[in-house]
Structures are given as C-alpha cells and as structure tokens.
C-alpha atoms as a PDB file:
ATOM      1  CA  MET A   1      16.227  18.267   1.588  1.00  0.00           C
ATOM      2  CA  PRO A   2      14.959  15.844  -1.095  1.00  0.00           C
ATOM      3  CA  ARG A   3      11.333  16.331  -2.097  1.00  0.00           C
ATOM      4  CA  GLU A   4       9.142  13.318  -1.377  1.00  0.00           C
ATOM      5  CA  GLN A   5       6.325  12.363  -3.731  1.00  0.00           C
ATOM      6  CA  ALA A   6       3.213  13.971  -2.268  1.00  0.00           C
ATOM      7  CA  GLY A   7       0.939  10.968  -2.622  1.00  0.00           C
ATOM      8  CA  VAL A   8       2.915   8.813  -0.191  1.00  0.00           C
ATOM      9  CA  CYS A   9       1.823  10.743   2.912  1.00  0.00           C
ATOM     10  CA  ALA A  10      -1.396  12.302   1.556  1.00  0.00           C
ATOM     11  CA  GLU A  11      -4.592  12.224   3.571  1.00  0.00           C
ATOM     12  CA  GLY A  12      -7.469   9.993   2.431  1.00  0.00           C
ATOM     13  CA  ASN A  13      -9.592  10.525  -0.667  1.00  0.00           C
ATOM     14  CA  LEU A  14     -12.911   9.437  -2.119  1.00  0.00           C
ATOM     15  CA  HIS A  15     -11.453   7.582  -5.123  1.00  0.00           C
ATOM     16  CA  GLY A  16      -8.269   5.746  -6.016  1.00  0.00           C
ATOM     17  CA  LEU A  17      -6.860   4.324  -9.246  1.00  0.00           C
ATOM     18  CA  TYR A  18      -3.845   2.011  -9.318  1.00  0.00           C
ATOM     19  CA  LEU A  19      -1.847   1.076 -12.416  1.00  0.00           C
ATOM     20  CA  MET A  20       0.647  -1.796 -12.458  1.00  0.00           C
ATOM     21  CA  PHE A  21       3.053  -2.076 -15.405  1.00  0.00           C
ATOM     22  CA  ASN A  22       5.849  -4.329 -16.614  1.00  0.00           C
ATOM     23  CA  ALA A  23       8.612  -2.716 -18.658  1.00  0.00           C
ATOM     24  CA  GLU A  24       9.429  -3.645 -22.222  1.00  0.00           C
ATOM     25  CA  GLU A  25      12.884  -5.038 -23.010  1.00  0.00           C
ATOM     26  CA  GLN A  26      15.694  -2.455 -22.980  1.00  0.00           C
ATOM     27  CA  ALA A  27      13.300   0.432 -22.245  1.00  0.00           C
ATOM     28  CA  GLU A  28      15.310   1.637 -19.237  1.00  0.00           C
ATOM     29  CA  PRO A  29      17.194   4.628 -20.693  1.00  0.00           C
ATOM     30  CA  THR A  30      13.975   6.249 -21.912  1.00  0.00           C
ATOM     31  CA  LEU A  31      11.899   4.943 -19.041  1.00  0.00           C
ATOM     32  CA  ARG A  32      14.076   6.639 -16.407  1.00  0.00           C
ATOM     33  CA  LYS A  33      13.402  10.000 -18.036  1.00  0.00           C
ATOM     34  CA  VAL A  34       9.682   9.402 -18.616  1.00  0.00           C
ATOM     35  CA  LEU A  35       9.034   8.168 -15.070  1.00  0.00           C
ATOM     36  CA  ALA A  36      10.775  11.244 -13.638  1.00  0.00           C
ATOM     37  CA  GLU A  37       8.570  13.410 -15.860  1.00  0.00           C
ATOM     38  CA  ILE A  38       5.424  11.546 -14.743  1.00  0.00           C
ATOM     39  CA  ALA A  39       6.343  11.947 -11.077  1.00  0.00           C
ATOM     40  CA  ALA A  40       6.926  15.670 -11.626  1.00  0.00           C
ATOM     41  CA  TRP A  41       3.643  15.960 -13.537  1.00  0.00           C
ATOM     42  CA  LEU A  42       1.733  14.233 -10.728  1.00  0.00           C
ATOM     43  CA  GLN A  43       3.339  16.640  -8.262  1.00  0.00           C
ATOM     44  CA  ALA A  44       2.373  19.681 -10.350  1.00  0.00           C
ATOM     45  CA  SER A  45      -1.169  18.330 -10.646  1.00  0.00           C
ATOM     46  CA  VAL A  46      -1.558  18.511  -6.858  1.00  0.00           C
ATOM     47  CA  ASP A  47      -1.819  22.305  -7.023  1.00  0.00           C
ATOM     48  CA  GLN A  48      -3.750  22.346 -10.290  1.00  0.00           C
ATOM     49  CA  ASN A  49      -6.416  20.048  -8.798  1.00  0.00           C
ATOM     50  CA  ALA A  50      -6.372  21.256  -5.207  1.00  0.00           C
ATOM     51  CA  ASP A  51     -10.170  21.426  -5.160  1.00  0.00           C
ATOM     52  CA  CYS A  52     -10.354  17.619  -5.323  1.00  0.00           C
ATOM     53  CA  ALA A  53      -7.239  16.862  -3.223  1.00  0.00           C
ATOM     54  CA  PHE A  54      -5.437  15.157  -6.098  1.00  0.00           C
ATOM     55  CA  ASN A  55      -2.239  13.261  -5.307  1.00  0.00           C
ATOM     56  CA  GLY A  56      -0.131  10.415  -6.635  1.00  0.00           C
ATOM     57  CA  PHE A  57       3.221   8.704  -6.707  1.00  0.00           C
ATOM     58  CA  VAL A  58       5.404   6.387  -8.785  1.00  0.00           C
ATOM     59  CA  ALA A  59       7.096   3.348  -7.248  1.00  0.00           C
ATOM     60  CA  ILE A  60       9.599   0.901  -8.736  1.00  0.00           C
ATOM     61  CA  GLY A  61       9.375  -2.857  -8.158  1.00  0.00           C
ATOM     62  CA  ALA A  62      12.008  -4.473  -5.960  1.00  0.00           C
ATOM     63  CA  ASN A  63      12.754  -7.072  -8.650  1.00  0.00           C
ATOM     64  CA  TYR A  64      13.128  -4.415 -11.354  1.00  0.00           C
ATOM     65  CA  TRP A  65      15.051  -1.728  -9.460  1.00  0.00           C
ATOM     66  CA  ASP A  66      18.559  -2.829 -10.470  1.00  0.00           C
ATOM     67  CA  GLU A  67      17.658  -2.786 -14.150  1.00  0.00           C
ATOM     68  CA  LEU A  68      16.198   0.711 -13.997  1.00  0.00           C
ATOM     69  CA  TYR A  69      18.678   2.219 -11.523  1.00  0.00           C
ATOM     70  CA  PRO A  70      21.829   0.032 -11.645  1.00  0.00           C
ATOM     71  CA  ASP A  71      24.081   2.553  -9.890  1.00  0.00           C
ATOM     72  CA  SER A  72      22.372   2.607  -6.469  1.00  0.00           C
ATOM     73  CA  ARG A  73      19.778   0.714  -4.460  1.00  0.00           C
ATOM     74  CA  PRO A  74      17.788   1.483  -1.286  1.00  0.00           C
ATOM     75  CA  ALA A  75      19.494  -0.263   1.621  1.00  0.00           C
ATOM     76  CA  GLN A  76      16.543  -2.466   2.626  1.00  0.00           C
ATOM     77  CA  LEU A  77      14.804  -3.012  -0.707  1.00  0.00           C
ATOM     78  CA  ARG A  78      13.979  -6.697  -1.153  1.00  0.00           C
ATOM     79  CA  PRO A  79      11.342  -8.850  -2.886  1.00  0.00           C
ATOM     80  CA  PHE A  80       7.884  -9.362  -1.449  1.00  0.00           C
ATOM     81  CA  PRO A  81       7.972 -12.116   1.215  1.00  0.00           C
ATOM     82  CA  ALA A  82       6.362 -15.393   0.097  1.00  0.00           C
ATOM     83  CA  PHE A  83       4.744 -16.554   3.354  1.00  0.00           C
ATOM     84  CA  GLU A  84       2.575 -19.684   3.523  1.00  0.00           C
ATOM     85  CA  SER A  85       1.101 -21.717   6.359  1.00  0.00           C
ATOM     86  CA  GLU A  86      -1.664 -24.311   5.983  1.00  0.00           C
ATOM     87  CA  ASP A  87      -4.303 -22.643   3.752  1.00  0.00           C
ATOM     88  CA  ARG A  88      -3.035 -19.124   4.413  1.00  0.00           C
ATOM     89  CA  THR A  89      -0.795 -17.655   1.745  1.00  0.00           C
ATOM     90  CA  ALA A  90       0.732 -14.336   0.702  1.00  0.00           C
ATOM     91  CA  PRO A  91       1.067 -14.796  -3.068  1.00  0.00           C
ATOM     92  CA  VAL A  92       3.746 -12.843  -4.889  1.00  0.00           C
ATOM     93  CA  GLN A  93       3.156 -10.970  -8.146  1.00  0.00           C
ATOM     94  CA  PRO A  94       6.332  -9.066  -9.028  1.00  0.00           C
ATOM     95  CA  VAL A  95       5.514  -5.893 -10.947  1.00  0.00           C
ATOM     96  CA  ASP A  96       8.003  -3.419 -12.403  1.00  0.00           C
ATOM     97  CA  ILE A  97       6.148  -0.131 -11.911  1.00  0.00           C
ATOM     98  CA  PHE A  98       3.278   0.988  -9.679  1.00  0.00           C
ATOM     99  CA  VAL A  99       1.498   4.295 -10.292  1.00  0.00           C
ATOM    100  CA  HIS A 100      -0.809   5.414  -7.479  1.00  0.00           C
ATOM    101  CA  ILE A 101      -3.467   8.036  -8.288  1.00  0.00           C
ATOM    102  CA  ARG A 102      -6.056   9.424  -5.868  1.00  0.00           C
ATOM    103  CA  SER A 103      -8.478  12.336  -5.637  1.00  0.00           C
ATOM    104  CA  ASP A 104     -12.080  13.144  -4.723  1.00  0.00           C
ATOM    105  CA  ARG A 105     -13.198  12.980  -8.377  1.00  0.00           C
ATOM    106  CA  LEU A 106     -13.486   9.912 -10.571  1.00  0.00           C
ATOM    107  CA  ASP A 107     -13.052  11.912 -13.761  1.00  0.00           C
ATOM    108  CA  ILE A 108      -9.822  13.574 -12.610  1.00  0.00           C
ATOM    109  CA  ASN A 109      -8.361  10.178 -11.718  1.00  0.00           C
ATOM    110  CA  HIS A 110      -9.364   8.834 -15.125  1.00  0.00           C
ATOM    111  CA  ILE A 111      -7.804  11.795 -16.932  1.00  0.00           C
ATOM    112  CA  ALA A 112      -4.582  11.376 -14.936  1.00  0.00           C
ATOM    113  CA  ALA A 113      -4.438   7.643 -15.701  1.00  0.00           C
ATOM    114  CA  MET A 114      -4.894   8.296 -19.422  1.00  0.00           C
ATOM    115  CA  GLU A 115      -2.052  10.835 -19.291  1.00  0.00           C
ATOM    116  CA  VAL A 116       0.231   8.348 -17.521  1.00  0.00           C
ATOM    117  CA  CYS A 117      -0.540   5.579 -19.998  1.00  0.00           C
ATOM    118  CA  GLN A 118      -0.036   7.909 -22.968  1.00  0.00           C
ATOM    119  CA  ARG A 119       3.400   8.966 -21.687  1.00  0.00           C
ATOM    120  CA  LEU A 120       4.380   5.311 -21.184  1.00  0.00           C
ATOM    121  CA  THR A 121       3.236   4.128 -24.633  1.00  0.00           C
ATOM    122  CA  GLY A 122       5.739   1.694 -26.126  1.00  0.00           C
ATOM    123  CA  LEU A 123       7.743   1.423 -22.910  1.00  0.00           C
ATOM    124  CA  VAL A 124       5.531  -0.798 -20.742  1.00  0.00           C
ATOM    125  CA  GLN A 125       2.641  -3.239 -20.710  1.00  0.00           C
ATOM    126  CA  LEU A 126      -0.308  -2.672 -18.366  1.00  0.00           C
ATOM    127  CA  VAL A 127      -0.543  -5.691 -16.040  1.00  0.00           C
ATOM    128  CA  GLU A 128      -3.465  -4.660 -13.852  1.00  0.00           C
ATOM    129  CA  GLU A 129      -5.706  -1.684 -13.144  1.00  0.00           C
ATOM    130  CA  VAL A 130      -7.730  -1.372  -9.936  1.00  0.00           C
ATOM    131  CA  ARG A 131     -10.215   1.388  -9.085  1.00  0.00           C
ATOM    132  CA  SER A 132     -11.037   1.932  -5.435  1.00  0.00           C
ATOM    133  CA  PHE A 133     -13.441   4.063  -3.437  1.00  0.00           C
ATOM    134  CA  ARG A 134     -14.147   5.322   0.047  1.00  0.00           C
ATOM    135  CA  TYR A 135     -16.835   3.205   1.692  1.00  0.00           C
ATOM    136  CA  LEU A 136     -19.061   5.017   4.195  1.00  0.00           C
ATOM    137  CA  ASP A 137     -16.935   6.675   6.927  1.00  0.00           C
ATOM    138  CA  ASN A 138     -13.591   5.155   5.884  1.00  0.00           C
ATOM    139  CA  ARG A 139     -14.723   1.571   6.413  1.00  0.00           C
ATOM    140  CA  ASP A 140     -13.631  -1.651   4.802  1.00  0.00           C
ATOM    141  CA  LEU A 141     -16.376  -3.626   3.059  1.00  0.00           C
ATOM    142  CA  THR A 142     -16.472  -5.847   6.158  1.00  0.00           C
ATOM    143  CA  GLY A 143     -18.141  -2.853   7.836  1.00  0.00           C
ATOM    144  CA  PHE A 144     -15.239  -1.948  10.152  1.00  0.00           C
ATOM    145  CA  VAL A 145     -13.345   1.339  10.114  1.00  0.00           C
ATOM    146  CA  ASP A 146     -10.025   0.826   8.307  1.00  0.00           C
ATOM    147  CA  GLY A 147      -6.767   2.563   9.174  1.00  0.00           C
ATOM    148  CA  THR A 148      -7.723   3.513  12.740  1.00  0.00           C
ATOM    149  CA  GLU A 149      -4.125   3.006  13.861  1.00  0.00           C
ATOM    150  CA  ASN A 150      -2.687   5.213  11.101  1.00  0.00           C
ATOM    151  CA  PRO A 151      -0.198   7.903  12.197  1.00  0.00           C
ATOM    152  CA  GLN A 152      -1.565  11.432  12.109  1.00  0.00           C
ATOM    153  CA  GLY A 153      -0.191  14.859  11.194  1.00  0.00           C
ATOM    154  CA  SER A 154       3.577  15.220  10.873  1.00  0.00           C
ATOM    155  CA  HIS A 155       4.006  11.725  12.327  1.00  0.00           C
ATOM    156  CA  ARG A 156       2.860  10.326   8.977  1.00  0.00           C
ATOM    157  CA  ARG A 157       6.124  11.497   7.387  1.00  0.00           C
ATOM    158  CA  GLU A 158       8.175  10.124  10.273  1.00  0.00           C
ATOM    159  CA  VAL A 159       6.637   6.671   9.755  1.00  0.00           C
ATOM    160  CA  ALA A 160       6.471   6.586   5.968  1.00  0.00           C
ATOM    161  CA  LEU A 161       9.655   8.286   4.757  1.00  0.00           C
ATOM    162  CA  VAL A 162      13.276   7.168   4.804  1.00  0.00           C
ATOM    163  CA  GLY A 163      15.504   9.473   6.849  1.00  0.00           C
ATOM    164  CA  ALA A 164      19.213  10.116   7.220  1.00  0.00           C
ATOM    165  CA  GLU A 165      19.914   6.401   7.774  1.00  0.00           C
ATOM    166  CA  ASP A 166      20.016   5.991   3.957  1.00  0.00           C
ATOM    167  CA  GLU A 167      21.222   9.369   2.707  1.00  0.00           C
ATOM    168  CA  LEU A 168      20.788   8.858  -1.029  1.00  0.00           C
ATOM    169  CA  PHE A 169      17.174   7.766  -0.531  1.00  0.00           C
ATOM    170  CA  ILE A 170      15.951  10.328   2.008  1.00  0.00           C
ATOM    171  CA  GLY A 171      12.303  11.123   1.322  1.00  0.00           C
ATOM    172  CA  GLY A 172      11.634   7.772  -0.321  1.00  0.00           C
ATOM    173  CA  SER A 173       9.279   5.088   0.956  1.00  0.00           C
ATOM    174  CA  TYR A 174       9.067   1.293   0.935  1.00  0.00           C
ATOM    175  CA  ILE A 175       5.718   0.346  -0.603  1.00  0.00           C
ATOM    176  CA  HIS A 176       3.917  -2.991  -0.302  1.00  0.00           C
ATOM    177  CA  THR A 177       0.634  -3.762  -2.011  1.00  0.00           C
ATOM    178  CA  GLN A 178      -1.791  -6.672  -1.760  1.00  0.00           C
ATOM    179  CA  ARG A 179      -5.170  -7.086  -3.394  1.00  0.00           C
ATOM    180  CA  TYR A 180      -7.443  -8.967  -1.009  1.00  0.00           C
ATOM    181  CA  GLN A 181     -10.617 -10.726  -2.128  1.00  0.00           C
ATOM    182  CA  HIS A 182     -13.233 -10.837   0.631  1.00  0.00           C
ATOM    183  CA  GLN A 183     -15.619 -13.752   1.098  1.00  0.00           C
ATOM    184  CA  MET A 184     -18.522 -11.439   1.804  1.00  0.00           C
ATOM    185  CA  GLN A 185     -21.249 -14.083   1.967  1.00  0.00           C
ATOM    186  CA  ARG A 186     -19.295 -16.121   4.506  1.00  0.00           C
ATOM    187  CA  TRP A 187     -18.566 -12.983   6.547  1.00  0.00           C
ATOM    188  CA  ALA A 188     -22.236 -12.016   6.568  1.00  0.00           C
ATOM    189  CA  LYS A 189     -23.245 -15.404   8.007  1.00  0.00           C
ATOM    190  CA  ILE A 190     -21.428 -14.929  11.323  1.00  0.00           C
ATOM    191  CA  SER A 191     -22.824 -12.777  14.109  1.00  0.00           C
ATOM    192  CA  GLN A 192     -21.768  -9.189  14.731  1.00  0.00           C
ATOM    193  CA  LYS A 193     -20.100 -10.307  17.981  1.00  0.00           C
ATOM    194  CA  GLN A 194     -18.072 -12.917  16.067  1.00  0.00           C
ATOM    195  CA  GLN A 195     -17.088 -10.254  13.550  1.00  0.00           C
ATOM    196  CA  GLU A 196     -16.012  -7.921  16.356  1.00  0.00           C
ATOM    197  CA  ASP A 197     -13.978 -10.677  18.015  1.00  0.00           C
ATOM    198  CA  THR A 198     -12.299 -11.327  14.660  1.00  0.00           C
ATOM    199  CA  ILE A 199     -11.242  -7.680  14.335  1.00  0.00           C
ATOM    200  CA  GLY A 200     -10.743  -6.740  17.997  1.00  0.00           C
ATOM    201  CA  ARG A 201     -12.989  -3.677  18.099  1.00  0.00           C
ATOM    202  CA  THR A 202     -16.687  -2.858  18.021  1.00  0.00           C
ATOM    203  CA  LYS A 203     -18.275  -2.545  14.612  1.00  0.00           C
ATOM    204  CA  ILE A 204     -20.608   0.432  14.961  1.00  0.00           C
ATOM    205  CA  GLU A 205     -18.831   2.599  17.555  1.00  0.00           C
ATOM    206  CA  ASN A 206     -15.286   1.625  16.429  1.00  0.00           C
ATOM    207  CA  ILE A 207     -14.102   1.142  20.011  1.00  0.00           C
ATOM    208  CA  GLU A 208     -11.007  -1.025  20.447  1.00  0.00           C
ATOM    209  CA  TYR A 209     -11.310  -3.929  22.876  1.00  0.00           C
ATOM    210  CA  ALA A 210      -9.431  -3.641  26.149  1.00  0.00           C
ATOM    211  CA  SER A 211      -6.108  -5.468  25.965  1.00  0.00           C
ATOM    212  CA  GLU A 212      -7.247  -8.291  28.226  1.00  0.00           C
ATOM    213  CA  ASP A 213     -10.385  -8.808  26.129  1.00  0.00           C
ATOM    214  CA  LYS A 214      -8.666  -9.141  22.753  1.00  0.00           C
ATOM    215  CA  PRO A 215      -8.632 -12.702  21.390  1.00  0.00           C
ATOM    216  CA  LEU A 216      -5.110 -13.794  20.464  1.00  0.00           C
ATOM    217  CA  THR A 217      -6.446 -14.451  16.976  1.00  0.00           C
ATOM    218  CA  CYS A 218      -7.988 -11.012  16.364  1.00  0.00           C
ATOM    219  CA  HIS A 219      -6.659  -8.813  13.577  1.00  0.00           C
ATOM    220  CA  ILE A 220      -5.554  -6.010  15.890  1.00  0.00           C
ATOM    221  CA  LYS A 221      -3.600  -8.397  18.123  1.00  0.00           C
ATOM    222  CA  ARG A 222      -1.778  -9.869  15.146  1.00  0.00           C
ATOM    223  CA  THR A 223      -0.885  -6.544  13.489  1.00  0.00           C
ATOM    224  CA  ASN A 224      -0.217  -4.108  16.361  1.00  0.00           C
ATOM    225  CA  LEU A 225       3.363  -5.209  17.008  1.00  0.00           C
ATOM    226  CA  LYS A 226       6.344  -3.840  18.903  1.00  0.00           C
ATOM    227  CA  ASP A 227      10.035  -4.218  18.134  1.00  0.00           C
ATOM    228  CA  ALA A 228      12.786  -5.473  20.462  1.00  0.00           C
ATOM    229  CA  ASP A 229      12.970  -2.026  22.082  1.00  0.00           C
ATOM    230  CA  GLY A 230       9.241  -1.906  22.771  1.00  0.00           C
ATOM    231  CA  LYS A 231       8.487   0.644  20.039  1.00  0.00           C
ATOM    232  CA  SER A 232       5.396   0.248  17.855  1.00  0.00           C
ATOM    233  CA  MET A 233       6.135  -1.124  14.391  1.00  0.00           C
ATOM    234  CA  GLU A 234       4.009   1.412  12.568  1.00  0.00           C
ATOM    235  CA  ILE A 235       3.110   1.664   8.902  1.00  0.00           C
ATOM    236  CA  LEU A 236       1.100   4.260   6.992  1.00  0.00           C
ATOM    237  CA  ARG A 237      -1.825   2.485   5.357  1.00  0.00           C
ATOM    238  CA  GLN A 238      -3.164   3.977   2.128  1.00  0.00           C
ATOM    239  CA  SER A 239      -5.614   1.109   1.551  1.00  0.00           C
ATOM    240  CA  MET A 240      -9.066   1.479  -0.024  1.00  0.00           C
ATOM    241  CA  PRO A 241     -11.929  -0.904  -0.880  1.00  0.00           C
ATOM    242  CA  TYR A 242     -12.537  -1.966  -4.463  1.00  0.00           C
ATOM    243  CA  GLY A 243     -15.041  -4.162  -6.251  1.00  0.00           C
ATOM    244  CA  ASP A 244     -18.182  -4.778  -8.233  1.00  0.00           C
ATOM    245  CA  MET A 245     -21.043  -7.250  -7.888  1.00  0.00           C
ATOM    246  CA  ASN A 246     -18.774 -10.176  -8.779  1.00  0.00           C
ATOM    247  CA  GLU A 247     -15.798  -9.450  -6.538  1.00  0.00           C
ATOM    248  CA  GLN A 248     -15.209  -7.258  -3.491  1.00  0.00           C
ATOM    249  CA  GLY A 249     -12.152  -6.630  -1.406  1.00  0.00           C
ATOM    250  CA  LEU A 250      -9.418  -4.314  -0.207  1.00  0.00           C
ATOM    251  CA  PHE A 251      -6.470  -2.946  -2.127  1.00  0.00           C
ATOM    252  CA  PHE A 252      -3.961  -2.828   0.706  1.00  0.00           C
ATOM    253  CA  ILE A 253      -1.078  -0.343   0.513  1.00  0.00           C
ATOM    254  CA  SER A 254       1.656   0.019   3.141  1.00  0.00           C
ATOM    255  CA  CYS A 255       4.090   2.955   3.090  1.00  0.00           C
ATOM    256  CA  CYS A 256       7.002   2.863   5.514  1.00  0.00           C
ATOM    257  CA  LYS A 257      10.591   3.941   6.100  1.00  0.00           C
ATOM    258  CA  THR A 258      11.511   0.257   6.404  1.00  0.00           C
ATOM    259  CA  PRO A 259      10.039  -2.941   4.923  1.00  0.00           C
ATOM    260  CA  ALA A 260      10.557  -4.734   8.254  1.00  0.00           C
ATOM    261  CA  HIS A 261       7.333  -3.451   9.817  1.00  0.00           C
ATOM    262  CA  PHE A 262       5.060  -4.689   7.039  1.00  0.00           C
ATOM    263  CA  GLU A 263       6.886  -8.004   6.827  1.00  0.00           C
ATOM    264  CA  ALA A 264       6.531  -8.568  10.580  1.00  0.00           C
ATOM    265  CA  GLN A 265       2.804  -7.824  10.471  1.00  0.00           C
ATOM    266  CA  LEU A 266       2.190 -10.127   7.519  1.00  0.00           C
ATOM    267  CA  LYS A 267       4.206 -12.907   9.151  1.00  0.00           C
ATOM    268  CA  SER A 268       2.209 -12.502  12.372  1.00  0.00           C
ATOM    269  CA  MET A 269      -1.070 -12.682  10.457  1.00  0.00           C
ATOM    270  CA  ILE A 270      -0.183 -15.873   8.589  1.00  0.00           C
ATOM    271  CA  PHE A 271       1.977 -17.775  11.093  1.00  0.00           C
ATOM    272  CA  GLY A 272       0.574 -16.326  14.306  1.00  0.00           C
ATOM    273  CA  ASP A 273       2.454 -16.364  17.587  1.00  0.00           C
ATOM    274  CA  GLY A 274       3.876 -19.859  17.341  1.00  0.00           C
ATOM    275  CA  HIS A 275       0.947 -21.336  19.268  1.00  0.00           C
ATOM    276  CA  GLY A 276      -1.600 -21.547  16.458  1.00  0.00           C
ATOM    277  CA  HIS A 277      -3.004 -18.062  16.972  1.00  0.00           C
ATOM    278  CA  TYR A 278      -3.037 -16.797  13.387  1.00  0.00           C
ATOM    279  CA  ASP A 279      -5.172 -13.856  12.221  1.00  0.00           C
ATOM    280  CA  HIS A 280      -8.729 -15.221  11.933  1.00  0.00           C
ATOM    281  CA  LEU A 281      -9.643 -12.418   9.527  1.00  0.00           C
ATOM    282  CA  LEU A 282      -7.803 -14.559   6.966  1.00  0.00           C
ATOM    283  CA  ASP A 283     -10.647 -17.074   7.255  1.00  0.00           C
ATOM    284  CA  PHE A 284     -12.767 -14.511   5.409  1.00  0.00           C
ATOM    285  CA  THR A 285     -10.365 -12.853   2.982  1.00  0.00           C
ATOM    286  CA  GLN A 286      -7.476 -13.960   0.783  1.00  0.00           C
ATOM    287  CA  ALA A 287      -4.680 -11.982  -0.826  1.00  0.00           C
ATOM    288  CA  VAL A 288      -4.411 -12.711  -4.540  1.00  0.00           C
ATOM    289  CA  THR A 289      -1.459 -10.418  -5.319  1.00  0.00           C
ATOM    290  CA  GLY A 290       1.598  -9.150  -3.460  1.00  0.00           C
ATOM    291  CA  SER A 291       4.272  -6.725  -4.645  1.00  0.00           C
ATOM    292  CA  ALA A 292       7.156  -4.783  -3.089  1.00  0.00           C
ATOM    293  CA  TYR A 293       8.305  -1.404  -4.408  1.00  0.00           C
ATOM    294  CA  PHE A 294      10.261   1.705  -3.522  1.00  0.00           C
ATOM    295  CA  ALA A 295       8.929   5.200  -4.205  1.00  0.00           C
ATOM    296  CA  PRO A 296      12.046   7.390  -4.498  1.00  0.00           C
ATOM    297  CA  SER A 297      12.144  11.136  -3.967  1.00  0.00           C
ATOM    298  CA  LEU A 298      11.495  13.451  -6.898  1.00  0.00           C
ATOM    299  CA  ASP A 299      15.103  14.583  -6.708  1.00  0.00           C
ATOM    300  CA  TYR A 300      16.453  11.048  -6.982  1.00  0.00           C
ATOM    301  CA  MET A 301      14.310  10.321 -10.048  1.00  0.00           C
ATOM    302  CA  GLU A 302      15.296  13.580 -11.731  1.00  0.00           C
ATOM    303  CA  ASN A 303      19.014  13.054 -11.042  1.00  0.00           C
ATOM    304  CA  ALA A 304      18.883   9.456 -12.277  1.00  0.00           C
ATOM    305  CA  ALA A 305      17.105  10.508 -15.466  1.00  0.00           C
ATOM    306  CA  GLY A 306      20.338  12.144 -16.624  1.00  0.00           C
END
C-alpha cells in the first residue's frame, strides 16, 4: 500500500508555516529527486519531533504537474476554478510547489523551513511565505470555531486520500489553498446575533442552528453540501488563522480524494443557490489567492525521482 504523506491527515497543531515556490527553468530532473528527498525528510522528522507533533507534506501545482511528472497525471487534477459573481471573486494564483509545515513549536517549524529552502537552492524561487497559529480553542479570528465539520479518526483518511479508483495515485490528496483577508473592523461592528446568523451556529457555545433556523445565506448552509446520491461532500480542512496588526485572515487548506467537493463548496459560496442566496460571510472576508495542487504518495515521488 503506498505511503501517504503524514501531514495531509494530521491532527491540528499550534503553529503552521506554508512555503509557495515557482520552479526555475529546466529544473525538473533535479527537482524530482530533491522534492522526493524533502518529502522523505519531513516524514522522518515526524518521529524525531514527536514531542511537538511535527508534520508536513509537499504538493505539486496543477499547472506545473505535467512539466515535473510528464509520464502520469492524477485523474481529476485540474487548475483552480476562477469563480466570480458581482463583487465576490475566487482569484487564482498558480504556484508550482507548496510545502506545508506544522508543529506545536515555532522554532521547529522555522528550522524545517530553512532546511527545505536550503535543499531547494537554485531550483526554485520563493513566491510567498505564510505563518499561521492556533487561535484560542481552534477558532477563526472571527471568533467562531473552525473545522467543526471535519471528519474524525480513520474517516479523515477516507475523505482526504485517493483510493483504488486511481491506482497509481493511491494515498495522494487533492489540495486547494486560499488566503483570505478578513475585514475585522467591519465584522466587529455587527451584533453577535448577526454574526451567528452569518455563520449558522452560536458563537460562544458553538452550537449549530437547527436546519429550519439556518438562513439560506449562512456559511454552513452554503458549504454543507450533498451529492446526487445524498452523500455529504466532505473535505478535510487543515486551515489556520494568520496575521499581524496590519492584516488578519485565514489560510484555508482543503485536502480531499477528489477536487469536486471543494469546487462545489466554493461555487455555492460565491454563486449561491441560484436565487441570490450567496454566502454572506463573503461580505466580511475576501480571498486574495487560490491554488490547486496534488500531494502524491511518498512511493510515487520516490519512484518518479528515478
């Protein structure tokens, strides 16, 4: 059975660090080998830093995959969807490589990031670096608990990892990231009841509204979707808040066995239900980046490295 990258399904941490790179011209032959070595090093570091629950993974951009791995491609890998309706947009920022690092120690994350960058010297350019943190009891900076609907236990792997439907890519995961900037001052000016109606659950107790009480425009209504067979379109969220005194927001990360679930949720948020009921949380936050990746199994990366 192919070995998945441990960070895809890992439980939450106190700190996250995300590195986005674009590859240099004709770096692919060396880059395939180096990325496989980085993924293996991150995996080995899980045991070496067990006291701080270290984990990580490497993912390859949908737009770059064919250059790096021209001989095979995940069946459903496609570019990030460019949705737009009125003033609501999902901007696209194609990135070649995404390295996800998390642990319960800032210094360990920093050391790991320096190691990754050192190994990639001369092969890539750093496009963006984002450092995230746990806020209170796993809350977004809006004050609401984030990831309440996340799958638990062994179900996390069932939701996040590709299975036998795509044999060469078993153990891989479709990754989507968005960096959201929150309008915190605007959010703070509305009442707690208005905030709760925007999300669809109570703020302090984290109790979900009864189905009949959920506004059609609340975040939960727009993202808790079912497919044609009535099954929940689940994703594993690995999102964490980020920010400083100038900018605050959420670095959203979706891990799933198919990109269809994330795409359906994002479409529902921006376009709504066809009757004007879009996600009113978007009145208070705006995505400024959007990228699609695939995090292959360790075995796939090692085999492709040659």
